[in-house]
């Protein structure tokens, strides 16, 4: 588990271990097989929580130097990587910049994931079959086609509440275009690494923790009542990562464990290639 806040990462790992222990205890009391979800997703049989290795490593995806440091540390410790789930995300209603000066949502939600994945491609290929899951969103429909001047994507001139929602959508559109182009490159290499994007649904998480207090005061009770739980929101990501039904599938967009069609501008190959080239230019010095 790669995380910017190591204290919260360790807490999450503790929660996962507790969940596994409770699930196994229920199974032993009732007898029988693993939970239906574990079987459906092809998760191996686990007899004890000690059969599961959980580790937290520091990573700030908004900072390209942090991404490079994480990859160096990871590759020094691990030779294999079978599943890479790109799940980091941020929403902010104020213009903020990354350590490299890029708009924060673009830097975190797209560029950091792009750099992380390209640095890990050789490790994934050496571990193949391997899968990459990119957590995008229906928010890609907020923004329209990507601006042809990509400098305005990484450094937009205007910023406010309305434009912030559009810019978040832009970052999610970038996720889909990244998925599209990397899938093309992997197919050209006849790689056994696959990549798909997912919409997790509207999930009750702290994604909007950077929003103003008055919006949080309104949104928080609504999200608790009507939004999906984090566990429900993770289902499609887990499905695309481990389900036998997705074996050999690449370049697709999933929601509710089903393939969906994104907006036409999210599957434009010329735009995807241009974004890839621009992203390469932005990370070349790291």
C-alpha atoms as a PDB file:
ATOM      1  CA  UNK A   1       0.000   0.000   0.000  1.00  0.00           C
ATOM      2  CA  UNK A   2       1.536   3.282  -1.125  1.00  0.00           C
ATOM      3  CA  UNK A   3       0.285   6.314   0.758  1.00  0.00           C
ATOM      4  CA  UNK A   4       1.210   9.952   1.410  1.00  0.00           C
ATOM      5  CA  UNK A   5       0.241   9.722   5.080  1.00  0.00           C
ATOM      6  CA  UNK A   6       2.035   6.763   6.625  1.00  0.00           C
ATOM      7  CA  UNK A   7       0.088   6.933   9.875  1.00  0.00           C
ATOM      8  CA  UNK A   8      -3.180   6.520   7.989  1.00  0.00           C
ATOM      9  CA  UNK A   9      -1.656   3.792   5.830  1.00  0.00           C
ATOM     10  CA  UNK A  10      -0.687   1.765   8.890  1.00  0.00           C
ATOM     11  CA  UNK A  11      -4.179   2.284  10.318  1.00  0.00           C
ATOM     12  CA  UNK A  12      -5.694   1.023   7.056  1.00  0.00           C
ATOM     13  CA  UNK A  13      -3.485  -2.056   7.122  1.00  0.00           C
ATOM     14  CA  UNK A  14      -4.570  -2.728  10.696  1.00  0.00           C
ATOM     15  CA  UNK A  15      -8.199  -2.484   9.576  1.00  0.00           C
ATOM     16  CA  UNK A  16      -7.573  -4.905   6.691  1.00  0.00           C
ATOM     17  CA  UNK A  17      -5.944  -7.446   8.999  1.00  0.00           C
ATOM     18  CA  UNK A  18      -8.864  -7.156  11.409  1.00  0.00           C
ATOM     19  CA  UNK A  19     -11.360  -7.635   8.567  1.00  0.00           C
ATOM     20  CA  UNK A  20      -9.530 -10.754   7.366  1.00  0.00           C
ATOM     21  CA  UNK A  21      -9.406 -12.189  10.880  1.00  0.00           C
ATOM     22  CA  UNK A  22     -13.128 -11.568  11.427  1.00  0.00           C
ATOM     23  CA  UNK A  23     -14.036 -13.089   8.057  1.00  0.00           C
ATOM     24  CA  UNK A  24     -11.939 -16.197   8.701  1.00  0.00           C
ATOM     25  CA  UNK A  25     -13.392 -16.553  12.196  1.00  0.00           C
ATOM     26  CA  UNK A  26     -16.933 -16.478  10.800  1.00  0.00           C
ATOM     27  CA  UNK A  27     -16.005 -19.053   8.195  1.00  0.00           C
ATOM     28  CA  UNK A  28     -14.513 -21.394  10.780  1.00  0.00           C
ATOM     29  CA  UNK A  29     -17.592 -21.092  12.993  1.00  0.00           C
ATOM     30  CA  UNK A  30     -20.013 -21.759  10.134  1.00  0.00           C
ATOM     31  CA  UNK A  31     -17.791 -24.196   8.279  1.00  0.00           C
ATOM     32  CA  UNK A  32     -17.583 -24.296   4.509  1.00  0.00           C
ATOM     33  CA  UNK A  33     -15.703 -22.297   1.932  1.00  0.00           C
ATOM     34  CA  UNK A  34     -14.443 -18.732   1.748  1.00  0.00           C
ATOM     35  CA  UNK A  35     -16.918 -15.890   1.282  1.00  0.00           C
ATOM     36  CA  UNK A  36     -18.675 -15.828  -2.083  1.00  0.00           C
ATOM     37  CA  UNK A  37     -16.943 -12.564  -3.001  1.00  0.00           C
ATOM     38  CA  UNK A  38     -13.500 -14.108  -2.508  1.00  0.00           C
ATOM     39  CA  UNK A  39     -14.400 -17.003  -4.800  1.00  0.00           C
ATOM     40  CA  UNK A  40     -16.002 -14.740  -7.407  1.00  0.00           C
ATOM     41  CA  UNK A  41     -12.916 -12.523  -7.564  1.00  0.00           C
ATOM     42  CA  UNK A  42     -10.534 -15.451  -7.715  1.00  0.00           C
ATOM     43  CA  UNK A  43      -8.858 -14.597  -4.401  1.00  0.00           C
ATOM     44  CA  UNK A  44      -6.650 -17.484  -3.213  1.00  0.00           C
ATOM     45  CA  UNK A  45      -7.651 -19.571  -0.236  1.00  0.00           C
ATOM     46  CA  UNK A  46      -6.393 -17.944   2.955  1.00  0.00           C
ATOM     47  CA  UNK A  47      -6.248 -20.002   6.126  1.00  0.00           C
ATOM     48  CA  UNK A  48      -4.784 -17.374   8.451  1.00  0.00           C
ATOM     49  CA  UNK A  49      -4.148 -13.649   8.468  1.00  0.00           C
ATOM     50  CA  UNK A  50      -0.453 -14.596   8.611  1.00  0.00           C
ATOM     51  CA  UNK A  51      -0.835 -15.898   5.046  1.00  0.00           C
ATOM     52  CA  UNK A  52      -1.326 -12.298   3.905  1.00  0.00           C
ATOM     53  CA  UNK A  53       1.612  -9.901   3.620  1.00  0.00           C
ATOM     54  CA  UNK A  54       0.662  -6.248   4.078  1.00  0.00           C
ATOM     55  CA  UNK A  55       3.153  -3.395   3.796  1.00  0.00           C
ATOM     56  CA  UNK A  56       2.932   0.402   3.682  1.00  0.00           C
ATOM     57  CA  UNK A  57       5.359   2.578   1.738  1.00  0.00           C
ATOM     58  CA  UNK A  58       5.545   6.364   1.472  1.00  0.00           C
ATOM     59  CA  UNK A  59       4.366   7.943  -1.778  1.00  0.00           C
ATOM     60  CA  UNK A  60       3.087  11.425  -2.616  1.00  0.00           C
ATOM     61  CA  UNK A  61       1.728  11.187  -6.155  1.00  0.00           C
ATOM     62  CA  UNK A  62       1.561  14.961  -6.522  1.00  0.00           C
ATOM     63  CA  UNK A  63       5.374  15.108  -6.298  1.00  0.00           C
ATOM     64  CA  UNK A  64       7.366  13.503  -9.121  1.00  0.00           C
ATOM     65  CA  UNK A  65      10.471  13.261  -6.933  1.00  0.00           C
ATOM     66  CA  UNK A  66       8.452  11.259  -4.398  1.00  0.00           C
ATOM     67  CA  UNK A  67       7.230   8.953  -7.162  1.00  0.00           C
ATOM     68  CA  UNK A  68      10.797   8.280  -8.300  1.00  0.00           C
ATOM     69  CA  UNK A  69      11.921   7.642  -4.693  1.00  0.00           C
ATOM     70  CA  UNK A  70       9.038   5.248  -4.094  1.00  0.00           C
ATOM     71  CA  UNK A  71       9.787   3.236  -7.228  1.00  0.00           C
ATOM     72  CA  UNK A  72      13.477   2.990  -6.337  1.00  0.00           C
ATOM     73  CA  UNK A  73      12.568   1.764  -2.845  1.00  0.00           C
ATOM     74  CA  UNK A  74       9.956  -0.666  -4.142  1.00  0.00           C
ATOM     75  CA  UNK A  75      12.224  -2.207  -6.780  1.00  0.00           C
ATOM     76  CA  UNK A  76      15.021  -2.565  -4.233  1.00  0.00           C
ATOM     77  CA  UNK A  77      12.727  -4.754  -2.098  1.00  0.00           C
ATOM     78  CA  UNK A  78      10.463  -6.482  -4.614  1.00  0.00           C
ATOM     79  CA  UNK A  79      11.057  -8.212  -7.940  1.00  0.00           C
ATOM     80  CA  UNK A  80       7.403  -8.807  -8.812  1.00  0.00           C
ATOM     81  CA  UNK A  81       4.254  -6.734  -9.133  1.00  0.00           C
ATOM     82  CA  UNK A  82       1.097  -8.436 -10.364  1.00  0.00           C
ATOM     83  CA  UNK A  83      -1.562  -5.820  -9.625  1.00  0.00           C
ATOM     84  CA  UNK A  84      -1.235  -2.048  -9.727  1.00  0.00           C
ATOM     85  CA  UNK A  85      -4.362  -0.124  -8.676  1.00  0.00           C
ATOM     86  CA  UNK A  86      -4.097   3.617  -9.298  1.00  0.00           C
ATOM     87  CA  UNK A  87      -6.521   4.936  -6.733  1.00  0.00           C
ATOM     88  CA  UNK A  88      -5.097   8.259  -5.500  1.00  0.00           C
ATOM     89  CA  UNK A  89      -7.272  11.304  -5.995  1.00  0.00           C
ATOM     90  CA  UNK A  90      -7.824  14.844  -4.812  1.00  0.00           C
ATOM     91  CA  UNK A  91     -10.477  17.530  -5.352  1.00  0.00           C
ATOM     92  CA  UNK A  92      -9.747  21.139  -4.473  1.00  0.00           C
ATOM     93  CA  UNK A  93     -11.779  24.281  -5.056  1.00  0.00           C
ATOM     94  CA  UNK A  94      -8.763  26.558  -4.698  1.00  0.00           C
ATOM     95  CA  UNK A  95      -5.916  26.719  -7.170  1.00  0.00           C
ATOM     96  CA  UNK A  96      -3.023  24.794  -5.693  1.00  0.00           C
ATOM     97  CA  UNK A  97       0.194  23.677  -7.301  1.00  0.00           C
ATOM     98  CA  UNK A  98       2.291  20.563  -6.965  1.00  0.00           C
ATOM     99  CA  UNK A  99       5.974  20.630  -6.026  1.00  0.00           C
ATOM    100  CA  UNK A 100       6.739  20.902  -9.752  1.00  0.00           C
ATOM    101  CA  UNK A 101       4.262  23.758 -10.288  1.00  0.00           C
ATOM    102  CA  UNK A 102       1.422  21.879 -11.973  1.00  0.00           C
ATOM    103  CA  UNK A 103      -2.238  22.286 -11.024  1.00  0.00           C
ATOM    104  CA  UNK A 104      -2.703  19.892  -8.096  1.00  0.00           C
ATOM    105  CA  UNK A 105      -5.581  17.762  -9.426  1.00  0.00           C
ATOM    106  CA  UNK A 106      -3.828  17.218 -12.756  1.00  0.00           C
ATOM    107  CA  UNK A 107      -0.559  16.454 -10.947  1.00  0.00           C
ATOM    108  CA  UNK A 108      -2.044  13.991  -8.457  1.00  0.00           C
ATOM    109  CA  UNK A 109      -4.862  12.363 -10.384  1.00  0.00           C
ATOM    110  CA  UNK A 110      -3.070  11.977 -13.721  1.00  0.00           C
ATOM    111  CA  UNK A 111       0.613  12.877 -13.910  1.00  0.00           C
ATOM    112  CA  UNK A 112       1.728  11.045 -10.773  1.00  0.00           C
ATOM    113  CA  UNK A 113      -0.112   7.908 -11.887  1.00  0.00           C
ATOM    114  CA  UNK A 114       1.382   8.216 -15.369  1.00  0.00           C
ATOM    115  CA  UNK A 115       4.922   8.485 -14.016  1.00  0.00           C
ATOM    116  CA  UNK A 116       4.451   5.717 -11.453  1.00  0.00           C
ATOM    117  CA  UNK A 117       3.096   3.316 -14.044  1.00  0.00           C
ATOM    118  CA  UNK A 118       5.732   3.973 -16.692  1.00  0.00           C
ATOM    119  CA  UNK A 119       8.485   3.462 -14.105  1.00  0.00           C
ATOM    120  CA  UNK A 120       6.937   0.147 -13.026  1.00  0.00           C
ATOM    121  CA  UNK A 121       6.159  -1.249 -16.480  1.00  0.00           C
ATOM    122  CA  UNK A 122       9.278  -3.418 -16.632  1.00  0.00           C
ATOM    123  CA  UNK A 123       8.501  -4.880 -13.198  1.00  0.00           C
ATOM    124  CA  UNK A 124       4.918  -5.577 -14.247  1.00  0.00           C
ATOM    125  CA  UNK A 125       6.072  -7.178 -17.502  1.00  0.00           C
ATOM    126  CA  UNK A 126       8.509  -9.400 -15.615  1.00  0.00           C
ATOM    127  CA  UNK A 127       5.608 -10.503 -13.395  1.00  0.00           C
ATOM    128  CA  UNK A 128       3.096 -11.096 -16.187  1.00  0.00           C
ATOM    129  CA  UNK A 129       0.319 -11.822 -16.425  1.00  0.00           C
ATOM    130  CA  UNK A 130      -0.215  -8.555 -14.554  1.00  0.00           C
ATOM    131  CA  UNK A 131      -3.007  -6.005 -14.413  1.00  0.00           C
ATOM    132  CA  UNK A 132      -3.262  -2.245 -14.011  1.00  0.00           C
ATOM    133  CA  UNK A 133      -6.510  -0.674 -12.805  1.00  0.00           C
ATOM    134  CA  UNK A 134      -7.006   3.071 -13.197  1.00  0.00           C
ATOM    135  CA  UNK A 135      -9.699   4.603 -11.003  1.00  0.00           C
ATOM    136  CA  UNK A 136     -11.349   7.192 -13.243  1.00  0.00           C
ATOM    137  CA  UNK A 137     -14.880   8.554 -12.863  1.00  0.00           C
ATOM    138  CA  UNK A 138     -18.083   9.554 -14.593  1.00  0.00           C
ATOM    139  CA  UNK A 139     -16.806  13.044 -13.769  1.00  0.00           C
ATOM    140  CA  UNK A 140     -14.970  12.855 -17.106  1.00  0.00           C
ATOM    141  CA  UNK A 141     -18.330  13.894 -18.562  1.00  0.00           C
ATOM    142  CA  UNK A 142     -18.157  17.256 -16.738  1.00  0.00           C
ATOM    143  CA  UNK A 143     -15.490  18.809 -18.896  1.00  0.00           C
ATOM    144  CA  UNK A 144     -15.917  18.139 -22.615  1.00  0.00           C
ATOM    145  CA  UNK A 145     -12.988  17.312 -24.914  1.00  0.00           C
ATOM    146  CA  UNK A 146      -9.455  17.960 -23.711  1.00  0.00           C
ATOM    147  CA  UNK A 147      -8.050  21.378 -24.599  1.00  0.00           C
ATOM    148  CA  UNK A 148      -5.669  21.093 -27.561  1.00  0.00           C
ATOM    149  CA  UNK A 149      -3.270  23.389 -25.720  1.00  0.00           C
ATOM    150  CA  UNK A 150      -2.218  20.936 -23.042  1.00  0.00           C
ATOM    151  CA  UNK A 151      -0.355  23.623 -21.122  1.00  0.00           C
ATOM    152  CA  UNK A 152      -3.796  24.946 -20.170  1.00  0.00           C
ATOM    153  CA  UNK A 153      -4.611  21.509 -18.767  1.00  0.00           C
ATOM    154  CA  UNK A 154      -1.627  21.407 -16.414  1.00  0.00           C
ATOM    155  CA  UNK A 155      -1.836  25.133 -15.607  1.00  0.00           C
ATOM    156  CA  UNK A 156      -5.384  26.466 -16.127  1.00  0.00           C
ATOM    157  CA  UNK A 157      -5.733  30.271 -16.099  1.00  0.00           C
ATOM    158  CA  UNK A 158      -9.066  30.343 -14.272  1.00  0.00           C
ATOM    159  CA  UNK A 159     -10.039  28.687 -11.034  1.00  0.00           C
ATOM    160  CA  UNK A 160     -13.231  28.762  -8.991  1.00  0.00           C
ATOM    161  CA  UNK A 161     -15.867  26.393  -7.666  1.00  0.00           C
ATOM    162  CA  UNK A 162     -17.421  25.772 -11.099  1.00  0.00           C
ATOM    163  CA  UNK A 163     -14.111  25.502 -12.942  1.00  0.00           C
ATOM    164  CA  UNK A 164     -12.707  23.275 -10.185  1.00  0.00           C
ATOM    165  CA  UNK A 165     -15.377  20.644 -10.860  1.00  0.00           C
ATOM    166  CA  UNK A 166     -14.573  20.843 -14.555  1.00  0.00           C
ATOM    167  CA  UNK A 167     -10.846  20.508 -13.852  1.00  0.00           C
ATOM    168  CA  UNK A 168     -11.469  17.473 -11.681  1.00  0.00           C
ATOM    169  CA  UNK A 169     -13.341  16.035 -14.662  1.00  0.00           C
ATOM    170  CA  UNK A 170     -10.337  16.860 -16.852  1.00  0.00           C
ATOM    171  CA  UNK A 171      -8.071  14.843 -14.557  1.00  0.00           C
ATOM    172  CA  UNK A 172     -10.477  11.892 -14.769  1.00  0.00           C
ATOM    173  CA  UNK A 173     -10.625  12.251 -18.554  1.00  0.00           C
ATOM    174  CA  UNK A 174      -6.824  12.114 -18.552  1.00  0.00           C
ATOM    175  CA  UNK A 175      -7.094   8.782 -16.688  1.00  0.00           C
ATOM    176  CA  UNK A 176      -9.189   7.346 -19.522  1.00  0.00           C
ATOM    177  CA  UNK A 177      -6.942   8.694 -22.278  1.00  0.00           C
ATOM    178  CA  UNK A 178      -3.896   7.334 -20.444  1.00  0.00           C
ATOM    179  CA  UNK A 179      -5.585   3.927 -20.212  1.00  0.00           C
ATOM    180  CA  UNK A 180      -6.423   4.008 -23.910  1.00  0.00           C
ATOM    181  CA  UNK A 181      -2.910   4.810 -25.080  1.00  0.00           C
ATOM    182  CA  UNK A 182      -1.056   2.512 -22.702  1.00  0.00           C
ATOM    183  CA  UNK A 183      -3.327  -0.339 -23.754  1.00  0.00           C
ATOM    184  CA  UNK A 184      -2.348   0.368 -27.367  1.00  0.00           C
ATOM    185  CA  UNK A 185       1.361   0.312 -26.501  1.00  0.00           C
ATOM    186  CA  UNK A 186       1.007  -2.923 -24.534  1.00  0.00           C
ATOM    187  CA  UNK A 187      -0.810  -4.608 -27.398  1.00  0.00           C
ATOM    188  CA  UNK A 188       1.864  -3.514 -29.858  1.00  0.00           C
ATOM    189  CA  UNK A 189       4.451  -5.211 -27.638  1.00  0.00           C
ATOM    190  CA  UNK A 190       2.212  -8.305 -27.288  1.00  0.00           C
ATOM    191  CA  UNK A 191       2.543  -7.783 -23.551  1.00  0.00           C
ATOM    192  CA  UNK A 192       0.728  -9.879 -20.983  1.00  0.00           C
ATOM    193  CA  UNK A 193       0.137  -6.760 -18.914  1.00  0.00           C
ATOM    194  CA  UNK A 194      -3.403  -5.403 -19.230  1.00  0.00           C
ATOM    195  CA  UNK A 195      -4.908  -2.078 -18.214  1.00  0.00           C
ATOM    196  CA  UNK A 196      -8.524  -1.032 -17.623  1.00  0.00           C
ATOM    197  CA  UNK A 197     -10.246   1.977 -16.065  1.00  0.00           C
ATOM    198  CA  UNK A 198     -13.144   1.981 -13.630  1.00  0.00           C
ATOM    199  CA  UNK A 199     -15.815   4.263 -12.245  1.00  0.00           C
ATOM    200  CA  UNK A 200     -16.183   3.372  -8.551  1.00  0.00           C
ATOM    201  CA  UNK A 201     -19.510   5.131  -8.113  1.00  0.00           C
ATOM    202  CA  UNK A 202     -20.187   8.047  -5.786  1.00  0.00           C
ATOM    203  CA  UNK A 203     -18.366   6.912  -2.668  1.00  0.00           C
ATOM    204  CA  UNK A 204     -18.403   8.253   0.873  1.00  0.00           C
ATOM    205  CA  UNK A 205     -14.686   8.978   1.233  1.00  0.00           C
ATOM    206  CA  UNK A 206     -12.570  12.005   2.097  1.00  0.00           C
ATOM    207  CA  UNK A 207     -11.918  12.838  -1.552  1.00  0.00           C
ATOM    208  CA  UNK A 208     -13.448  16.278  -1.084  1.00  0.00           C
ATOM    209  CA  UNK A 209     -11.586  17.106   2.137  1.00  0.00           C
ATOM    210  CA  UNK A 210     -10.077  20.185   0.447  1.00  0.00           C
ATOM    211  CA  UNK A 211     -13.494  21.743  -0.259  1.00  0.00           C
ATOM    212  CA  UNK A 212     -14.679  24.782   1.770  1.00  0.00           C
ATOM    213  CA  UNK A 213     -16.222  24.082   5.179  1.00  0.00           C
ATOM    214  CA  UNK A 214     -19.659  25.304   4.122  1.00  0.00           C
ATOM    215  CA  UNK A 215     -19.794  22.797   1.250  1.00  0.00           C
ATOM    216  CA  UNK A 216     -18.521  19.993   3.466  1.00  0.00           C
ATOM    217  CA  UNK A 217     -21.224  20.859   5.996  1.00  0.00           C
ATOM    218  CA  UNK A 218     -23.835  20.270   3.288  1.00  0.00           C
ATOM    219  CA  UNK A 219     -22.256  17.339   1.457  1.00  0.00           C
ATOM    220  CA  UNK A 220     -21.086  15.212   4.417  1.00  0.00           C
ATOM    221  CA  UNK A 221     -24.524  14.231   5.780  1.00  0.00           C
ATOM    222  CA  UNK A 222     -25.785  13.590   2.250  1.00  0.00           C
ATOM    223  CA  UNK A 223     -22.814  11.369   1.469  1.00  0.00           C
ATOM    224  CA  UNK A 224     -23.300   9.366   4.647  1.00  0.00           C
ATOM    225  CA  UNK A 225     -26.918   8.695   3.738  1.00  0.00           C
ATOM    226  CA  UNK A 226     -26.784   8.131  -0.018  1.00  0.00           C
ATOM    227  CA  UNK A 227     -23.234   7.484  -1.190  1.00  0.00           C
ATOM    228  CA  UNK A 228     -21.612   4.081  -1.443  1.00  0.00           C
ATOM    229  CA  UNK A 229     -19.376   2.789   1.301  1.00  0.00           C
ATOM    230  CA  UNK A 230     -15.652   2.523   0.503  1.00  0.00           C
ATOM    231  CA  UNK A 231     -16.056  -1.264   0.434  1.00  0.00           C
ATOM    232  CA  UNK A 232     -18.813  -1.016  -2.186  1.00  0.00           C
ATOM    233  CA  UNK A 233     -16.823   1.550  -4.128  1.00  0.00           C
ATOM    234  CA  UNK A 234     -13.831  -0.795  -4.297  1.00  0.00           C
ATOM    235  CA  UNK A 235     -15.734  -3.717  -5.820  1.00  0.00           C
ATOM    236  CA  UNK A 236     -15.225  -2.825  -9.479  1.00  0.00           C
ATOM    237  CA  UNK A 237     -11.530  -2.093  -8.940  1.00  0.00           C
ATOM    238  CA  UNK A 238     -11.061  -5.481  -7.277  1.00  0.00           C
ATOM    239  CA  UNK A 239     -13.126  -7.127 -10.010  1.00  0.00           C
ATOM    240  CA  UNK A 240     -10.893  -5.692 -12.736  1.00  0.00           C
ATOM    241  CA  UNK A 241      -7.752  -6.578 -10.794  1.00  0.00           C
ATOM    242  CA  UNK A 242      -8.406 -10.252 -10.057  1.00  0.00           C
ATOM    243  CA  UNK A 243     -11.559 -11.603 -11.688  1.00  0.00           C
ATOM    244  CA  UNK A 244     -11.017 -14.369 -14.270  1.00  0.00           C
ATOM    245  CA  UNK A 245     -13.766 -12.709 -16.317  1.00  0.00           C
ATOM    246  CA  UNK A 246     -11.442  -9.800 -17.131  1.00  0.00           C
ATOM    247  CA  UNK A 247      -8.468 -11.941 -18.143  1.00  0.00           C
ATOM    248  CA  UNK A 248      -7.063 -10.678 -21.443  1.00  0.00           C
ATOM    249  CA  UNK A 249      -9.353  -7.627 -21.487  1.00  0.00           C
ATOM    250  CA  UNK A 250      -7.668  -4.249 -21.939  1.00  0.00           C
ATOM    251  CA  UNK A 251      -8.410  -0.623 -22.670  1.00  0.00           C
ATOM    252  CA  UNK A 252     -11.974  -0.792 -21.351  1.00  0.00           C
ATOM    253  CA  UNK A 253     -14.031   1.239 -18.898  1.00  0.00           C
ATOM    254  CA  UNK A 254     -15.992  -0.552 -16.171  1.00  0.00           C
ATOM    255  CA  UNK A 255     -18.701   0.441 -13.717  1.00  0.00           C
ATOM    256  CA  UNK A 256     -20.644  -1.854 -11.379  1.00  0.00           C
ATOM    257  CA  UNK A 257     -18.484  -4.749 -12.593  1.00  0.00           C
ATOM    258  CA  UNK A 258     -19.737  -4.240 -16.166  1.00  0.00           C
ATOM    259  CA  UNK A 259     -18.150  -2.685 -19.201  1.00  0.00           C
ATOM    260  CA  UNK A 260     -19.496   0.789 -19.939  1.00  0.00           C
ATOM    261  CA  UNK A 261     -18.987   3.302 -22.735  1.00  0.00           C
ATOM    262  CA  UNK A 262     -17.247   6.560 -21.814  1.00  0.00           C
ATOM    263  CA  UNK A 263     -17.757   9.776 -23.745  1.00  0.00           C
ATOM    264  CA  UNK A 264     -16.471   9.638 -27.362  1.00  0.00           C
ATOM    265  CA  UNK A 265     -13.762  12.206 -26.598  1.00  0.00           C
ATOM    266  CA  UNK A 266     -12.427   9.845 -23.932  1.00  0.00           C
ATOM    267  CA  UNK A 267     -11.540   7.263 -26.592  1.00  0.00           C
ATOM    268  CA  UNK A 268      -9.952   9.630 -29.107  1.00  0.00           C
ATOM    269  CA  UNK A 269      -6.615   8.048 -29.983  1.00  0.00           C
ATOM    270  CA  UNK A 270      -5.003  11.232 -31.304  1.00  0.00           C
ATOM    271  CA  UNK A 271      -5.793  13.097 -28.081  1.00  0.00           C
ATOM    272  CA  UNK A 272      -4.545  10.159 -26.016  1.00  0.00           C
ATOM    273  CA  UNK A 273      -1.252  10.096 -27.929  1.00  0.00           C
ATOM    274  CA  UNK A 274      -0.821  13.866 -27.509  1.00  0.00           C
ATOM    275  CA  UNK A 275      -1.464  13.643 -23.763  1.00  0.00           C
ATOM    276  CA  UNK A 276       1.021  10.783 -23.470  1.00  0.00           C
ATOM    277  CA  UNK A 277       3.727  12.787 -25.272  1.00  0.00           C
ATOM    278  CA  UNK A 278       3.027  15.877 -23.143  1.00  0.00           C
ATOM    279  CA  UNK A 279       3.150  13.821 -19.940  1.00  0.00           C
ATOM    280  CA  UNK A 280       6.467  12.300 -20.980  1.00  0.00           C
ATOM    281  CA  UNK A 281       7.832  15.801 -21.465  1.00  0.00           C
ATOM    282  CA  UNK A 282       6.699  16.853 -17.981  1.00  0.00           C
ATOM    283  CA  UNK A 283       8.393  13.898 -16.220  1.00  0.00           C
ATOM    284  CA  UNK A 284      11.561  13.598 -18.319  1.00  0.00           C
ATOM    285  CA  UNK A 285      13.816  15.318 -15.750  1.00  0.00           C
ATOM    286  CA  UNK A 286      12.851  12.955 -12.945  1.00  0.00           C
END
